[in-house]
Amino acid sequence: MYRIKFFSNKITLLFLLAILISSVEVNAQKKKERVSSGAFTSYDKIFKGNINDINLADYADGPHFFWVDSKLVKSWYVDHKQEGNTITIREKKIKVKGDSVLVKGQKGDSNRYWLRKGEYPVQESEYTGVKKLLAIGDVHGEYDVMVELLQNNGVINEDLDWSWGDGHLIFIGDIFDRGDKVTESLYLIKKLQRQAIAQKGRLHLILGNHEVMILMNDSRYAAPKYKNMCKRLMVNYPRFFAADTELGKWLRSLNSVVKINDLIFVHGGLSPDLVERGLSLKQINDDIRNSLRADNEMSHEEVMKTTYFPENPLWYRGYLMKSRSYSIINDEELDRVLSFYNAKRIFFGHTEVESIRFIHNNKVGAINVPMGYSEIKPQVLCVENDMFYRCFIDGKKEKIEL
């Protein structure tokens, strides 16, 4: 009799424990959904091996241009050979006589590279009268996917030249890290920026948090290819993008937010805190740009307090997620942000979504669809005649009903 009672109590306890565990799991899932609102945050490609053991297929990374002085530039190509697992540098010195020079790529590189003496001009923060635009989410070194998206949606041709006419092309930031074709991505974007202007169009590469991290010497998320390469060369990866390099100068000239017609594009988002601080779009761009200057005399603490505070435009996730510093933005706060910047909608990257979608009563658009994952179909946002479309990697176009 006692044994029967013991087993009966044991079964009851196990049953109650199972219910408790199930309840905890359900509550945890609900909490996760409440915090993330369906946003993905686990798309980092984690390398678990030994960086020293990497031996990739043959590649040439570069060119990387270092300004020695106002008349002399040093060019580097980093060559890796799988046979023997060797790394070597091809160096060439280039004399610059005028304000700029067009440089031919070295052996095996048919591209031409435009070098500019001095600082790059800063683009405007606001544009009006734009009839068509295309916006692309975080590239993260996925050069081949980026090219296919742009070609199949009519932005560039087979020769990788601009064919978007007077349209605007927006990169929402984060070209760096994760993927292993960052250099190729940057040079194509830089070339297209010049070609767009020649056709009365515009290309906007908005800075993301990963650009700022690299420019501030934080390369923890760089792809294993670059970590291996730099370790063997005994060079820090951010050195290739320092203020005395061609890519580094160009990157430091870029904006962090742009308004086109009544649409705002920003990497992380515009938060209520920016309104409280009274920061205009131009001031946001100037503050971030100044924080990246080689002659910036502010301490790290001052930079973090004045520019990279918790709700700053590059790291903010408040449209989809809450953090210890802020809650998910509510309708009243969002309306206040839109009113302050005289905008109808805000589009952002940074936080991953599986498909381009509108949230918060269609006032905010999430466009960062991860690239390089077989389970997710790459797509970009196209805006024409006040209509919004998902444009896929195969060139198909899908109207977004609002």
Protein backbone atom coordinates (compact mmCIF):
# COMPACT_ATOMS: atom_id res chain seq x y z
CA MET A 1 0.00 0.00 0.00
CA TYR A 2 2.80 2.42 0.91
CA ARG A 3 4.68 1.53 -2.29
CA ILE A 4 1.57 2.29 -4.37
CA LYS A 5 1.19 5.62 -2.59
CA PHE A 6 4.90 6.42 -3.11
CA PHE A 7 4.72 5.76 -6.85
CA SER A 8 1.49 7.71 -7.12
CA ASN A 9 3.10 10.72 -5.43
CA LYS A 10 6.19 10.35 -7.65
CA ILE A 11 4.06 10.34 -10.81
CA THR A 12 2.17 13.39 -9.57
CA LEU A 13 5.43 15.25 -8.89
CA LEU A 14 6.82 14.37 -12.32
CA PHE A 15 3.58 15.51 -13.93
CA LEU A 16 3.69 18.83 -12.06
CA LEU A 17 7.36 19.27 -12.93
CA ALA A 18 6.60 18.69 -16.62
CA ILE A 19 3.85 21.32 -16.49
CA LEU A 20 6.22 23.77 -14.76
CA ILE A 21 8.98 23.24 -17.37
CA SER A 22 6.47 23.62 -20.20
CA SER A 23 5.16 26.82 -18.63
CA VAL A 24 8.68 28.23 -18.27
CA GLU A 25 9.45 27.42 -21.93
CA VAL A 26 6.21 29.02 -23.14
CA ASN A 27 6.85 32.14 -21.03
CA ALA A 28 10.43 32.32 -22.28
CA GLN A 29 9.23 32.09 -25.88
CA LYS A 30 6.60 34.77 -25.27
CA LYS A 31 9.25 36.98 -23.68
CA LYS A 32 11.55 36.41 -26.65
CA GLU A 33 8.77 37.33 -29.08
CA ARG A 34 7.89 40.38 -27.01
CA VAL A 35 11.49 41.55 -26.93
CA SER A 36 12.45 40.83 -30.54
CA SER A 37 9.13 41.18 -32.39
CA GLY A 38 10.36 38.53 -34.81
CA ALA A 39 13.73 40.12 -35.51
CA PHE A 40 16.65 37.82 -36.14
CA THR A 41 19.82 38.39 -34.15
CA SER A 42 21.78 35.19 -34.79
CA TYR A 43 23.20 35.59 -38.29
CA ASP A 44 26.83 36.00 -37.33
CA LYS A 45 28.91 33.39 -39.13
CA ILE A 46 30.86 31.95 -36.25
CA PHE A 47 34.23 30.35 -37.02
CA LYS A 48 35.09 27.76 -34.38
CA GLY A 49 38.38 26.50 -35.79
CA ASN A 50 41.94 27.73 -35.39
CA ILE A 51 42.67 30.87 -37.42
CA ASN A 52 46.23 29.64 -37.93
CA ASP A 53 45.01 26.49 -39.69
CA ILE A 54 43.09 28.29 -42.45
CA ASN A 55 44.28 27.67 -46.02
CA LEU A 56 41.82 29.19 -48.48
CA ALA A 57 41.84 28.98 -52.26
CA ASP A 58 44.15 31.43 -54.07
CA TYR A 59 43.15 35.06 -53.65
CA ALA A 60 44.53 38.58 -54.08
CA ASP A 61 43.20 41.17 -51.63
CA GLY A 62 43.57 44.76 -52.69
CA PRO A 63 44.72 47.08 -53.87
CA HIS A 64 45.26 48.98 -50.64
CA PHE A 65 46.54 52.53 -51.18
CA PHE A 66 48.57 54.27 -48.47
CA TRP A 67 49.32 57.98 -48.88
CA VAL A 68 52.98 58.52 -47.97
CA ASP A 69 52.67 62.27 -48.59
CA SER A 70 50.69 64.56 -50.93
CA LYS A 71 52.64 63.36 -53.99
CA LEU A 72 53.37 59.70 -53.30
CA VAL A 73 51.11 56.69 -52.78
CA LYS A 74 52.12 53.15 -51.87
CA SER A 75 49.99 50.33 -53.31
CA TRP A 76 49.70 46.86 -51.77
CA TYR A 77 48.18 43.66 -53.08
CA VAL A 78 48.12 40.77 -50.63
CA ASP A 79 48.52 37.46 -52.49
CA HIS A 80 47.64 34.10 -50.97
CA LYS A 81 48.56 30.79 -52.63
CA GLN A 82 46.86 27.63 -51.41
CA GLU A 83 49.80 25.51 -52.53
CA GLY A 84 52.29 26.00 -49.77
CA ASN A 85 49.80 28.24 -47.90
CA THR A 86 51.90 31.34 -48.56
CA ILE A 87 51.16 35.05 -48.13
CA THR A 88 53.13 37.72 -50.00
CA ILE A 89 52.79 41.44 -50.71
CA ARG A 90 53.13 43.13 -54.10
CA GLU A 91 54.13 46.72 -53.52
CA LYS A 92 54.20 49.57 -55.99
CA LYS A 93 54.81 53.29 -55.56
CA ILE A 94 52.68 55.78 -57.47
CA LYS A 95 53.49 59.45 -58.06
CA VAL A 96 50.52 61.82 -57.98
CA LYS A 97 51.02 65.08 -59.89
CA GLY A 98 47.51 66.54 -59.98
CA ASP A 99 44.56 66.64 -57.59
CA SER A 100 43.61 63.10 -58.55
CA VAL A 101 44.86 60.15 -60.55
CA LEU A 102 43.31 57.08 -62.20
CA VAL A 103 45.44 54.03 -61.44
CA LYS A 104 45.44 50.75 -63.36
CA GLY A 105 45.19 47.56 -61.34
CA GLN A 106 48.29 45.42 -61.23
CA LYS A 107 48.67 42.07 -62.99
CA GLY A 108 45.46 40.05 -62.83
CA ASP A 109 43.31 43.07 -61.92
CA SER A 110 41.61 44.80 -64.87
CA ASN A 111 39.97 47.48 -62.72
CA ARG A 112 40.97 51.13 -62.50
CA TYR A 113 41.09 53.01 -59.22
CA TRP A 114 40.51 56.71 -58.73
CA LEU A 115 42.69 58.31 -56.06
CA ARG A 116 41.92 61.74 -54.68
CA LYS A 117 44.46 64.03 -53.07
CA GLY A 118 43.15 65.50 -49.82
CA GLU A 119 39.76 64.93 -48.25
CA TYR A 120 36.65 63.72 -50.06
CA PRO A 121 33.69 66.12 -50.38
CA VAL A 122 30.76 65.49 -48.07
CA GLN A 123 27.39 64.70 -49.66
CA GLU A 124 24.20 66.49 -48.66
CA SER A 125 22.01 65.09 -45.92
CA GLU A 126 18.72 65.72 -47.75
CA TYR A 127 17.48 65.37 -51.36
CA THR A 128 14.17 66.14 -53.04
CA GLY A 129 12.59 65.41 -56.39
CA VAL A 130 13.95 61.87 -56.63
CA LYS A 131 11.73 59.70 -58.88
CA LYS A 132 13.17 56.26 -58.21
CA LEU A 133 15.41 54.70 -55.60
CA LEU A 134 16.65 51.32 -54.51
CA ALA A 135 17.84 50.50 -50.99
CA ILE A 136 19.92 47.49 -50.03
CA GLY A 137 20.42 46.04 -46.56
CA ASP A 138 23.62 45.03 -44.76
CA VAL A 139 26.04 43.47 -47.27
CA HIS A 140 28.61 42.14 -44.79
CA GLY A 141 31.17 41.17 -47.42
CA GLU A 142 28.72 39.17 -49.58
CA TYR A 143 30.00 40.76 -52.79
CA ASP A 144 28.67 38.14 -55.22
CA VAL A 145 25.12 38.35 -53.85
CA MET A 146 25.29 42.14 -53.92
CA VAL A 147 26.38 42.16 -57.57
CA GLU A 148 23.63 39.74 -58.60
CA LEU A 149 20.98 41.82 -56.82
CA LEU A 150 22.14 45.02 -58.50
CA GLN A 151 22.49 43.49 -61.97
CA ASN A 152 19.17 41.66 -62.01
CA ASN A 153 17.33 44.76 -60.80
CA GLY A 154 18.77 47.07 -63.43
CA VAL A 155 21.12 49.14 -61.29
CA ILE A 156 24.39 48.00 -62.90
CA ASN A 157 25.17 46.30 -66.21
CA GLU A 158 27.26 43.25 -67.10
CA ASP A 159 30.44 45.32 -66.84
CA LEU A 160 29.49 46.39 -63.32
CA ASP A 161 28.90 49.98 -64.43
CA TRP A 162 26.06 52.27 -63.33
CA SER A 163 22.83 51.86 -65.35
CA TRP A 164 20.33 53.39 -62.90
CA GLY A 165 20.29 56.80 -64.61
CA ASP A 166 19.22 59.62 -62.30
CA GLY A 167 17.96 57.21 -59.66
CA HIS A 168 19.34 56.97 -56.14
CA LEU A 169 20.93 53.84 -54.64
CA ILE A 170 21.22 53.55 -50.86
CA PHE A 171 23.41 51.10 -48.98
CA ILE A 172 22.08 51.01 -45.43
CA GLY A 173 25.53 50.32 -43.91
CA ASP A 174 27.59 47.37 -42.67
CA ILE A 175 29.63 46.45 -45.74
CA PHE A 176 32.31 45.21 -43.33
CA ASP A 177 32.71 41.96 -41.35
CA ARG A 178 31.31 38.40 -41.51
CA GLY A 179 31.87 37.90 -45.28
CA ASP A 180 35.24 37.62 -47.02
CA LYS A 181 34.81 40.04 -49.97
CA VAL A 182 34.72 43.35 -48.17
CA THR A 183 37.47 44.96 -50.26
CA GLU A 184 35.75 44.09 -53.54
CA SER A 185 32.43 45.41 -52.23
CA LEU A 186 33.91 48.74 -51.14
CA TYR A 187 35.68 49.40 -54.43
CA LEU A 188 32.58 48.65 -56.51
CA ILE A 189 30.46 50.96 -54.35
CA LYS A 190 33.11 53.68 -54.53
CA LYS A 191 33.28 53.43 -58.33
CA LEU A 192 29.50 53.46 -58.71
CA GLN A 193 29.27 56.55 -56.53
CA ARG A 194 31.31 58.53 -59.05
CA GLN A 195 29.48 57.06 -62.04
CA ALA A 196 26.09 57.89 -60.51
CA ILE A 197 26.97 61.57 -60.18
CA ALA A 198 28.00 61.66 -63.85
CA GLN A 199 24.47 60.54 -64.79
CA LYS A 200 22.77 62.92 -62.31
CA GLY A 201 21.98 60.06 -59.97
CA ARG A 202 23.35 59.45 -56.49
CA LEU A 203 24.77 56.56 -54.48
CA HIS A 204 24.63 56.83 -50.70
CA LEU A 205 26.74 54.51 -48.58
CA ILE A 206 25.47 55.14 -45.07
CA LEU A 207 27.83 54.25 -42.26
CA GLY A 208 26.82 51.31 -40.10
CA ASN A 209 28.13 50.26 -36.71
CA HIS A 210 30.56 47.81 -38.34
CA GLU A 211 32.17 50.58 -40.42
CA VAL A 212 32.62 52.67 -37.28
CA MET A 213 34.03 49.71 -35.37
CA ILE A 214 36.70 49.09 -38.01
CA LEU A 215 37.53 52.80 -38.26
CA MET A 216 37.92 52.81 -34.47
CA ASN A 217 40.27 49.79 -34.54
CA ASP A 218 37.74 47.13 -33.49
CA SER A 219 38.02 44.15 -35.87
CA ARG A 220 36.61 41.37 -33.69
CA TYR A 221 33.90 40.51 -36.27
CA ALA A 222 36.20 40.43 -39.32
CA ALA A 223 35.99 37.27 -41.42
CA PRO A 224 38.54 34.50 -40.68
CA LYS A 225 40.19 35.23 -44.06
CA TYR A 226 41.14 38.73 -42.93
CA LYS A 227 42.14 37.66 -39.43
CA ASN A 228 44.44 34.98 -40.82
CA MET A 229 45.87 37.34 -43.44
CA CYS A 230 46.60 40.12 -40.96
CA LYS A 231 48.03 37.83 -38.30
CA ARG A 232 50.54 36.44 -40.79
CA LEU A 233 51.41 39.91 -42.08
CA MET A 234 51.61 41.23 -38.49
CA VAL A 235 49.29 44.08 -39.46
CA ASN A 236 46.07 45.07 -37.71
CA TYR A 237 43.13 44.82 -40.11
CA PRO A 238 41.91 48.40 -39.44
CA ARG A 239 45.33 49.63 -40.68
CA PHE A 240 44.08 49.08 -44.24
CA PHE A 241 41.38 51.70 -43.55
CA ALA A 242 43.32 54.26 -41.52
CA ALA A 243 42.99 57.98 -42.22
CA ASP A 244 46.06 57.95 -44.51
CA THR A 245 44.59 55.29 -46.83
CA GLU A 246 42.40 55.91 -49.86
CA LEU A 247 39.51 53.79 -48.61
CA GLY A 248 39.91 55.22 -45.12
CA LYS A 249 39.68 58.81 -46.34
CA TRP A 250 36.59 58.03 -48.40
CA LEU A 251 34.83 56.15 -45.60
CA ARG A 252 35.40 59.01 -43.17
CA SER A 253 33.61 61.40 -45.55
CA LEU A 254 30.35 59.44 -45.59
CA ASN A 255 27.05 60.26 -43.96
CA SER A 256 25.20 58.18 -41.37
CA VAL A 257 21.66 59.21 -42.29
CA VAL A 258 20.06 60.57 -45.47
CA LYS A 259 16.61 61.91 -46.25
CA ILE A 260 15.29 61.43 -49.79
CA ASN A 261 11.99 63.16 -50.50
CA ASP A 262 10.02 62.33 -47.31
CA LEU A 263 11.85 59.05 -46.60
CA ILE A 264 14.73 58.68 -44.13
CA PHE A 265 17.38 55.97 -44.41
CA VAL A 266 19.56 55.12 -41.43
CA HIS A 267 21.45 52.04 -40.29
CA GLY A 268 20.04 51.45 -36.80
CA GLY A 269 17.23 53.96 -36.47
CA LEU A 270 16.28 57.43 -35.26
CA SER A 271 15.30 57.29 -31.61
CA PRO A 272 13.27 59.63 -29.39
CA ASP A 273 16.54 60.50 -27.62
CA LEU A 274 17.77 62.25 -30.78
CA VAL A 275 14.71 64.50 -30.69
CA GLU A 276 15.29 65.24 -27.00
CA ARG A 277 18.84 66.25 -27.89
CA GLY A 278 17.57 68.40 -30.78
CA LEU A 279 19.95 66.83 -33.30
CA SER A 280 19.32 67.62 -36.96
CA LEU A 281 20.23 65.11 -39.67
CA LYS A 282 23.22 67.26 -40.61
CA GLN A 283 24.35 67.44 -36.98
CA ILE A 284 24.11 63.66 -36.64
CA ASN A 285 26.26 63.24 -39.75
CA ASP A 286 28.77 65.85 -38.64
CA ASP A 287 29.09 64.42 -35.11
CA ILE A 288 29.77 60.87 -36.30
CA ARG A 289 32.15 62.09 -39.00
CA ASN A 290 34.06 64.23 -36.50
CA SER A 291 34.36 61.30 -34.09
CA LEU A 292 36.26 59.39 -36.80
CA ARG A 293 38.75 62.11 -37.66
CA ALA A 294 42.41 61.40 -36.93
CA ASP A 295 42.70 64.81 -35.24
CA ASN A 296 39.69 64.27 -32.98
CA GLU A 297 40.83 65.25 -29.49
CA MET A 298 37.84 63.96 -27.52
CA SER A 299 38.44 61.16 -25.04
CA HIS A 300 36.75 57.80 -25.49
CA GLU A 301 34.35 58.66 -22.66
CA GLU A 302 33.40 61.96 -24.31
CA VAL A 303 32.82 60.31 -27.70
CA MET A 304 30.60 57.65 -26.15
CA LYS A 305 28.61 60.25 -24.22
CA THR A 306 28.10 62.75 -27.05
CA THR A 307 27.94 60.52 -30.14
CA TYR A 308 27.57 56.81 -29.38
CA PHE A 309 25.08 56.96 -26.53
CA PRO A 310 22.73 53.92 -26.21
CA GLU A 311 20.09 55.25 -28.63
CA ASN A 312 22.55 56.46 -31.28
CA PRO A 313 21.53 55.99 -34.96
CA LEU A 314 24.04 53.22 -35.70
CA TRP A 315 23.39 50.80 -32.82
CA TYR A 316 19.72 51.51 -32.01
CA ARG A 317 17.30 48.54 -32.35
CA GLY A 318 14.23 50.12 -30.76
CA TYR A 319 11.91 49.63 -33.74
CA LEU A 320 11.97 45.87 -33.21
CA MET A 321 13.65 45.15 -29.89
CA LYS A 322 14.05 46.52 -26.41
CA SER A 323 17.28 46.70 -24.44
CA ARG A 324 18.40 47.59 -20.95
CA SER A 325 18.57 51.22 -22.08
CA TYR A 326 15.28 51.60 -23.96
CA SER A 327 11.91 50.01 -24.76
CA ILE A 328 10.43 49.32 -28.18
CA ILE A 329 9.35 52.67 -29.58
CA ASN A 330 5.65 53.46 -29.16
CA ASP A 331 3.34 55.27 -31.61
CA GLU A 332 3.55 58.61 -29.82
CA GLU A 333 7.35 58.55 -29.73
CA LEU A 334 7.58 57.53 -33.39
CA ASP A 335 5.21 60.30 -34.46
CA ARG A 336 7.33 62.78 -32.54
CA VAL A 337 10.48 61.56 -34.36
CA LEU A 338 8.82 61.73 -37.79
CA SER A 339 7.42 65.18 -37.07
CA PHE A 340 10.76 66.52 -35.84
CA TYR A 341 12.51 65.39 -39.04
CA ASN A 342 9.51 66.23 -41.25
CA ALA A 343 9.44 62.71 -42.68
CA LYS A 344 6.74 60.20 -43.59
CA ARG A 345 8.71 56.97 -43.13
CA ILE A 346 12.02 55.66 -41.81
CA PHE A 347 13.89 52.70 -43.31
CA PHE A 348 16.58 50.89 -41.36
CA GLY A 349 18.99 47.94 -41.48
CA HIS A 350 21.09 46.53 -38.61
CA THR A 351 18.39 44.22 -37.22
CA GLU A 352 17.76 41.21 -39.45
CA VAL A 353 14.35 40.26 -40.86
CA GLU A 354 13.54 37.35 -43.15
CA SER A 355 11.69 39.57 -45.63
CA ILE A 356 11.36 43.32 -46.17
CA ARG A 357 8.39 44.48 -44.16
CA PHE A 358 6.67 47.55 -42.77
CA ILE A 359 5.92 47.93 -39.07
CA HIS A 360 4.45 50.51 -36.70
CA ASN A 361 1.44 51.32 -38.88
CA ASN A 362 3.60 51.27 -42.03
CA LYS A 363 5.68 54.21 -40.80
CA VAL A 364 8.88 52.17 -40.49
CA GLY A 365 10.46 49.76 -42.98
CA ALA A 366 12.87 46.97 -42.02
CA ILE A 367 15.07 46.14 -45.02
CA ASN A 368 18.02 44.15 -43.65
CA VAL A 369 17.40 40.72 -45.19
CA PRO A 370 20.58 38.66 -44.57
CA MET A 371 22.70 37.68 -47.57
CA GLY A 372 24.60 34.45 -48.04
CA TYR A 373 22.09 32.10 -46.39
CA SER A 374 20.42 29.39 -48.46
CA GLU A 375 17.20 29.49 -46.43
CA ILE A 376 16.59 33.20 -47.08
CA LYS A 377 15.98 34.76 -50.50
CA PRO A 378 18.01 38.00 -50.91
CA GLN A 379 15.94 41.07 -51.71
CA VAL A 380 16.14 44.85 -51.90
CA LEU A 381 13.64 47.68 -51.57
CA CYS A 382 12.60 49.62 -54.65
CA VAL A 383 10.54 52.83 -54.53
CA GLU A 384 8.97 54.21 -57.70
CA ASN A 385 6.04 56.63 -58.02
CA ASP A 386 5.36 56.35 -54.27
CA MET A 387 4.96 52.57 -54.61
CA PHE A 388 7.09 50.11 -52.62
CA TYR A 389 8.40 46.82 -53.97
CA ARG A 390 10.44 43.85 -52.83
CA CYS A 391 12.92 43.16 -55.63
CA PHE A 392 14.45 39.70 -55.52
CA ILE A 393 17.79 38.32 -56.64
CA ASP A 394 16.23 36.75 -59.75
CA GLY A 395 14.84 40.12 -60.87
CA LYS A 396 11.25 39.42 -59.86
CA LYS A 397 9.34 42.31 -58.35
CA GLU A 398 6.62 42.13 -55.69
CA LYS A 399 4.48 45.11 -54.73
CA ILE A 400 4.19 45.71 -51.00
CA GLU A 401 0.59 46.46 -50.10
CA LEU A 402 0.27 49.08 -47.36
